């Protein structure tokens, strides 16, 4: 979550437009992870490819909408909206993964939603706020939530490095057509832009690697709620480096969100202590 919270700030710093940034980020990711798998003499089977195809498509669509949104509105808003995955994933937690969802968990999710609403309300007076950008962030939320559920399923069958190699390569193919057709200039980036893309791969990209590894070990109710820990980091970073002012409502909302996440983690520890660690 720390990687993703910092990564939201880094995306805004890159001069490349959203479409171009998404495409070249995926090109570099696929080259590196395919290279790692080949260097380790790993192999990808057709069954593994099929398992990874759905989350790969979703992550490609997420990158398209996420990068466009973060270039269009406040980074705090984007971070908060995309972090609402726990609400979208509650149904999957119960129906697809058989995880316990109690009234206490629903109350914690409701509290997190209230905190998020305060942050969003506090952002509407910020000059960089945009309704279009917030709308794109909602689309990014839906794509990312689908990716979380599908990635957890795929990771039961595929190693994390093979998963990364397949997902980033397929996502690059998904992003390529809109990037070619809609971008103003998809020419090879300069050295400075490549350095920024490499930083994105190292920081938020490491967040993806860690989350994909964790999918085999952590309940999706916990991993999705942990997403709510990233926006407060983004909010502070946006104030320090992007001159986005922090409103009192945002501070209160961020505190509520962090408290709700802490409550979910505490609840999960209690469940694990009583019943073991069924994470699949």
Protein backbone atom coordinates (compact mmCIF):
# COMPACT_ATOMS: atom_id res chain seq x y z
CA UNK A 1 0.00 0.00 0.00
CA UNK A 2 2.95 2.28 0.66
CA UNK A 3 4.25 1.60 -2.85
CA UNK A 4 0.87 2.45 -4.39
CA UNK A 5 0.35 5.52 -2.20
CA UNK A 6 3.71 6.94 -3.31
CA UNK A 7 3.17 5.74 -6.88
CA UNK A 8 0.07 7.91 -7.30
CA UNK A 9 2.28 10.98 -6.79
CA UNK A 10 4.92 9.71 -9.19
CA UNK A 11 2.40 9.22 -12.03
CA UNK A 12 1.49 12.91 -11.92
CA UNK A 13 5.18 13.86 -12.13
CA UNK A 14 5.73 12.11 -15.48
CA UNK A 15 5.37 14.40 -18.51
CA UNK A 16 4.01 11.62 -20.75
CA UNK A 17 0.20 11.73 -21.32
CA UNK A 18 -1.87 8.94 -19.77
CA UNK A 19 -2.19 6.70 -22.86
CA UNK A 20 1.49 6.87 -23.75
CA UNK A 21 2.54 6.35 -20.15
CA UNK A 22 0.33 3.25 -19.77
CA UNK A 23 1.69 1.73 -23.00
CA UNK A 24 5.41 2.24 -22.32
CA UNK A 25 4.99 1.22 -18.68
CA UNK A 26 3.53 -2.09 -19.87
CA UNK A 27 6.23 -2.55 -22.52
CA UNK A 28 8.97 -2.23 -19.90
CA UNK A 29 7.13 -4.45 -17.37
CA UNK A 30 6.56 -7.25 -19.89
CA UNK A 31 10.18 -7.19 -21.10
CA UNK A 32 11.56 -7.35 -17.56
CA UNK A 33 9.28 -10.07 -16.20
CA UNK A 34 9.44 -12.24 -19.31
CA UNK A 35 13.23 -11.88 -19.08
CA UNK A 36 13.20 -12.96 -15.43
CA UNK A 37 11.09 -16.04 -16.17
CA UNK A 38 13.36 -17.03 -19.08
CA UNK A 39 16.51 -16.42 -17.02
CA UNK A 40 15.16 -18.76 -14.32
CA UNK A 41 14.37 -21.31 -17.05
CA UNK A 42 10.70 -21.13 -16.16
CA UNK A 43 7.94 -22.11 -18.52
CA UNK A 44 4.41 -20.91 -19.16
CA UNK A 45 1.76 -23.49 -20.00
CA UNK A 46 -1.43 -22.94 -21.95
CA UNK A 47 -3.44 -23.61 -18.76
CA UNK A 48 -1.51 -20.88 -16.94
CA UNK A 49 -2.06 -18.47 -19.81
CA UNK A 50 -5.81 -19.08 -19.79
CA UNK A 51 -5.97 -18.57 -16.01
CA UNK A 52 -4.13 -15.25 -16.28
CA UNK A 53 -5.98 -13.90 -19.32
CA UNK A 54 -9.04 -12.38 -17.51
CA UNK A 55 -7.03 -10.44 -14.87
CA UNK A 56 -4.57 -9.35 -17.58
CA UNK A 57 -7.36 -7.76 -19.63
CA UNK A 58 -8.71 -6.02 -16.52
CA UNK A 59 -5.31 -4.66 -15.48
CA UNK A 60 -4.83 -3.25 -18.98
CA UNK A 61 -8.19 -1.49 -18.84
CA UNK A 62 -7.41 -0.30 -15.32
CA UNK A 63 -4.13 1.29 -16.38
CA UNK A 64 -5.84 3.10 -19.24
CA UNK A 65 -8.54 4.63 -17.03
CA UNK A 66 -6.32 5.12 -13.97
CA UNK A 67 -3.54 7.05 -15.71
CA UNK A 68 -6.07 9.17 -17.59
CA UNK A 69 -7.92 9.99 -14.37
CA UNK A 70 -4.83 10.84 -12.36
CA UNK A 71 -3.80 13.30 -15.07
CA UNK A 72 -7.29 14.89 -15.01
CA UNK A 73 -8.25 15.43 -11.35
CA UNK A 74 -6.69 15.53 -7.89
CA UNK A 75 -4.51 12.52 -7.14
CA UNK A 76 -6.11 12.27 -3.69
CA UNK A 77 -9.55 11.81 -5.26
CA UNK A 78 -8.30 9.13 -7.64
CA UNK A 79 -6.57 7.26 -4.83
CA UNK A 80 -9.66 7.38 -2.62
CA UNK A 81 -12.10 6.32 -5.36
CA UNK A 82 -9.98 3.39 -6.58
CA UNK A 83 -9.44 2.26 -2.98
CA UNK A 84 -13.19 1.60 -2.62
CA UNK A 85 -12.64 -1.94 -3.89
CA UNK A 86 -13.80 -3.51 -0.59
CA UNK A 87 -17.36 -2.41 -1.33
CA UNK A 88 -17.29 -3.82 -4.87
CA UNK A 89 -15.59 -7.04 -3.73
CA UNK A 90 -17.89 -7.93 -0.82
CA UNK A 91 -20.04 -10.11 -3.09
CA UNK A 92 -16.98 -11.94 -4.44
CA UNK A 93 -15.65 -12.46 -0.93
CA UNK A 94 -18.82 -14.31 0.06
CA UNK A 95 -19.84 -16.08 -3.16
CA UNK A 96 -16.52 -16.85 -4.88
CA UNK A 97 -14.15 -17.28 -1.94
CA UNK A 98 -16.46 -18.25 0.94
CA UNK A 99 -15.01 -15.64 3.30
CA UNK A 100 -16.91 -14.59 6.44
CA UNK A 101 -18.65 -11.22 6.11
CA UNK A 102 -20.23 -10.16 9.38
CA UNK A 103 -22.22 -7.11 10.47
CA UNK A 104 -19.04 -5.82 12.09
CA UNK A 105 -17.21 -5.96 8.75
CA UNK A 106 -20.10 -4.21 7.00
CA UNK A 107 -20.01 -1.50 9.67
CA UNK A 108 -16.27 -1.03 9.12
CA UNK A 109 -16.79 -0.79 5.36
CA UNK A 110 -19.54 1.78 5.92
CA UNK A 111 -17.21 3.80 8.15
CA UNK A 112 -14.49 3.67 5.49
CA UNK A 113 -17.01 4.86 2.90
CA UNK A 114 -18.00 7.76 5.13
CA UNK A 115 -14.34 8.71 5.56
CA UNK A 116 -13.79 8.50 1.81
CA UNK A 117 -16.82 10.72 1.20
CA UNK A 118 -15.31 13.36 3.49
CA UNK A 119 -12.05 13.29 1.55
CA UNK A 120 -13.87 13.63 -1.77
CA UNK A 121 -16.06 16.43 -0.43
CA UNK A 122 -12.99 18.30 0.77
CA UNK A 123 -11.41 18.04 -2.69
CA UNK A 124 -14.18 19.71 -4.70
CA UNK A 125 -12.81 23.18 -3.99
CA UNK A 126 -9.27 22.27 -5.11
CA UNK A 127 -8.42 23.89 -8.50
CA UNK A 128 -7.17 20.63 -10.04
CA UNK A 129 -10.44 18.79 -9.27
CA UNK A 130 -12.42 17.55 -12.29
CA UNK A 131 -15.74 15.70 -12.49
CA UNK A 132 -14.54 13.95 -15.67
CA UNK A 133 -11.42 12.80 -13.85
CA UNK A 134 -13.49 11.46 -10.96
CA UNK A 135 -15.69 9.59 -13.47
CA UNK A 136 -12.63 7.96 -15.03
CA UNK A 137 -11.52 7.01 -11.53
CA UNK A 138 -14.84 5.21 -10.98
CA UNK A 139 -14.21 3.18 -14.16
CA UNK A 140 -10.70 2.46 -12.85
CA UNK A 141 -12.26 1.26 -9.58
CA UNK A 142 -14.48 -1.25 -11.38
CA UNK A 143 -11.61 -2.57 -13.52
CA UNK A 144 -9.24 -2.82 -10.54
CA UNK A 145 -11.81 -4.61 -8.38
CA UNK A 146 -12.40 -7.18 -11.13
CA UNK A 147 -8.65 -7.59 -11.44
CA UNK A 148 -8.30 -8.22 -7.68
CA UNK A 149 -10.87 -11.03 -7.67
CA UNK A 150 -9.61 -12.62 -10.91
CA UNK A 151 -5.97 -12.35 -9.84
CA UNK A 152 -6.68 -14.14 -6.56
CA UNK A 153 -8.27 -17.00 -8.49
CA UNK A 154 -5.43 -17.21 -11.03
CA UNK A 155 -2.73 -17.13 -8.37
CA UNK A 156 -3.98 -20.42 -6.96
CA UNK A 157 -2.69 -22.04 -10.18
CA UNK A 158 0.20 -19.84 -11.34
CA UNK A 159 3.48 -18.80 -9.71
CA UNK A 160 3.85 -15.10 -9.02
CA UNK A 161 6.67 -14.43 -11.52
CA UNK A 162 4.92 -16.35 -14.30
CA UNK A 163 1.73 -14.51 -13.40
CA UNK A 164 3.49 -11.15 -13.69
CA UNK A 165 5.05 -12.05 -17.05
CA UNK A 166 1.74 -13.17 -18.57
CA UNK A 167 -0.39 -10.38 -17.13
CA UNK A 168 1.86 -7.48 -18.16
CA UNK A 169 2.41 -8.89 -21.65
CA UNK A 170 -1.31 -9.41 -22.33
CA UNK A 171 -2.14 -6.03 -20.78
CA UNK A 172 0.34 -4.42 -23.19
CA UNK A 173 -1.56 -5.98 -26.11
CA UNK A 174 -4.84 -4.67 -24.65
CA UNK A 175 -3.52 -1.13 -24.26
CA UNK A 176 -1.68 -0.96 -27.62
CA UNK A 177 -4.70 -0.33 -29.95
CA UNK A 178 -6.18 2.65 -28.05
CA UNK A 179 -2.68 4.02 -27.44
CA UNK A 180 -1.87 3.85 -31.16
CA UNK A 181 -5.22 5.18 -32.34
CA UNK A 182 -5.91 7.88 -29.76
CA UNK A 183 -2.55 9.21 -28.58
CA UNK A 184 -1.04 12.30 -30.18
CA UNK A 185 2.49 10.94 -30.18
CA UNK A 186 3.50 7.35 -29.38
CA UNK A 187 7.12 7.83 -30.42
CA UNK A 188 9.93 6.27 -28.40
CA UNK A 189 10.30 8.21 -25.11
CA UNK A 190 13.40 10.18 -24.26
CA UNK A 191 15.86 9.17 -21.55
CA UNK A 192 14.19 11.27 -18.84
CA UNK A 193 10.78 9.74 -19.54
CA UNK A 194 12.28 6.24 -19.52
CA UNK A 195 13.81 6.93 -16.11
CA UNK A 196 10.38 7.93 -14.80
CA UNK A 197 8.81 4.80 -16.29
CA UNK A 198 11.52 2.73 -14.59
CA UNK A 199 10.74 4.44 -11.28
CA UNK A 200 7.05 3.57 -11.74
CA UNK A 201 7.98 -0.05 -12.33
CA UNK A 202 10.19 -0.05 -9.22
CA UNK A 203 7.73 1.64 -6.82
CA UNK A 204 4.02 1.07 -7.67
CA UNK A 205 5.10 -1.90 -9.82
CA UNK A 206 6.58 -3.51 -6.71
CA UNK A 207 3.21 -2.94 -5.04
CA UNK A 208 1.60 -5.08 -7.76
CA UNK A 209 4.21 -7.81 -7.28
CA UNK A 210 3.70 -7.87 -3.52
CA UNK A 211 -0.10 -7.87 -3.79
CA UNK A 212 -0.05 -10.65 -6.38
CA UNK A 213 2.18 -12.70 -4.09
CA UNK A 214 -0.14 -12.01 -1.13
CA UNK A 215 -3.25 -13.22 -3.00
CA UNK A 216 -2.39 -16.81 -2.09
CA UNK A 217 -2.00 -16.00 1.61
CA UNK A 218 -4.49 -13.25 2.53
CA UNK A 219 -8.29 -13.04 2.46
CA UNK A 220 -9.60 -10.70 -0.22
CA UNK A 221 -11.62 -8.81 2.41
CA UNK A 222 -8.31 -7.93 4.08
CA UNK A 223 -6.25 -7.19 0.95
CA UNK A 224 -9.00 -5.00 -0.53
CA UNK A 225 -9.49 -3.08 2.73
CA UNK A 226 -5.74 -2.55 2.91
CA UNK A 227 -6.11 -0.49 -0.28
CA UNK A 228 -7.67 2.20 1.87
CA UNK A 229 -4.30 2.72 3.53
CA UNK A 230 -2.81 4.21 0.34
CA UNK A 231 -4.92 7.41 -0.03
CA UNK A 232 -3.73 9.08 3.20
CA UNK A 233 -0.15 8.59 1.97
CA UNK A 234 -1.14 10.06 -1.38
CA UNK A 235 -2.92 12.97 0.29
CA UNK A 236 0.18 13.96 2.28
CA UNK A 237 2.45 13.48 -0.75
CA UNK A 238 0.15 15.58 -2.95
CA UNK A 239 0.32 18.41 -0.41
CA UNK A 240 4.12 18.24 -0.19
CA UNK A 241 5.02 17.80 -3.87
CA UNK A 242 1.99 18.84 -5.96
CA UNK A 243 0.73 21.81 -3.91
CA UNK A 244 -2.69 20.21 -3.47
CA UNK A 245 -4.11 21.74 -0.26
CA UNK A 246 -5.34 19.49 2.54
CA UNK A 247 -8.76 20.42 3.92
CA UNK A 248 -9.89 19.62 7.46
CA UNK A 249 -12.60 17.32 6.06
CA UNK A 250 -9.90 15.33 4.25
CA UNK A 251 -7.86 14.91 7.43
CA UNK A 252 -10.90 13.71 9.38
CA UNK A 253 -11.92 11.39 6.54
CA UNK A 254 -8.42 9.96 6.24
CA UNK A 255 -8.32 9.25 9.99
CA UNK A 256 -11.68 7.45 9.80
CA UNK A 257 -10.45 5.34 6.88
CA UNK A 258 -7.25 4.33 8.68
CA UNK A 259 -9.23 3.38 11.79
CA UNK A 260 -11.59 1.24 9.70
CA UNK A 261 -8.66 -0.55 8.02
CA UNK A 262 -7.10 -1.22 11.42
CA UNK A 263 -10.43 -2.67 12.58
CA UNK A 264 -10.59 -5.03 9.59
CA UNK A 265 -7.05 -6.27 10.16
CA UNK A 266 -7.78 -6.83 13.86
CA UNK A 267 -10.94 -8.73 12.93
CA UNK A 268 -9.00 -10.92 10.51
CA UNK A 269 -6.42 -11.75 13.16
CA UNK A 270 -9.21 -12.82 15.52
CA UNK A 271 -10.80 -15.03 12.83
CA UNK A 272 -7.43 -16.58 12.05
CA UNK A 273 -6.78 -17.29 15.71
CA UNK A 274 -10.13 -19.06 16.04
CA UNK A 275 -10.38 -20.93 12.75
CA UNK A 276 -6.93 -21.12 11.17
CA UNK A 277 -5.89 -19.44 7.93
CA UNK A 278 -8.19 -20.37 5.03
CA UNK A 279 -7.19 -17.75 2.45
CA UNK A 280 -8.29 -19.29 -0.83
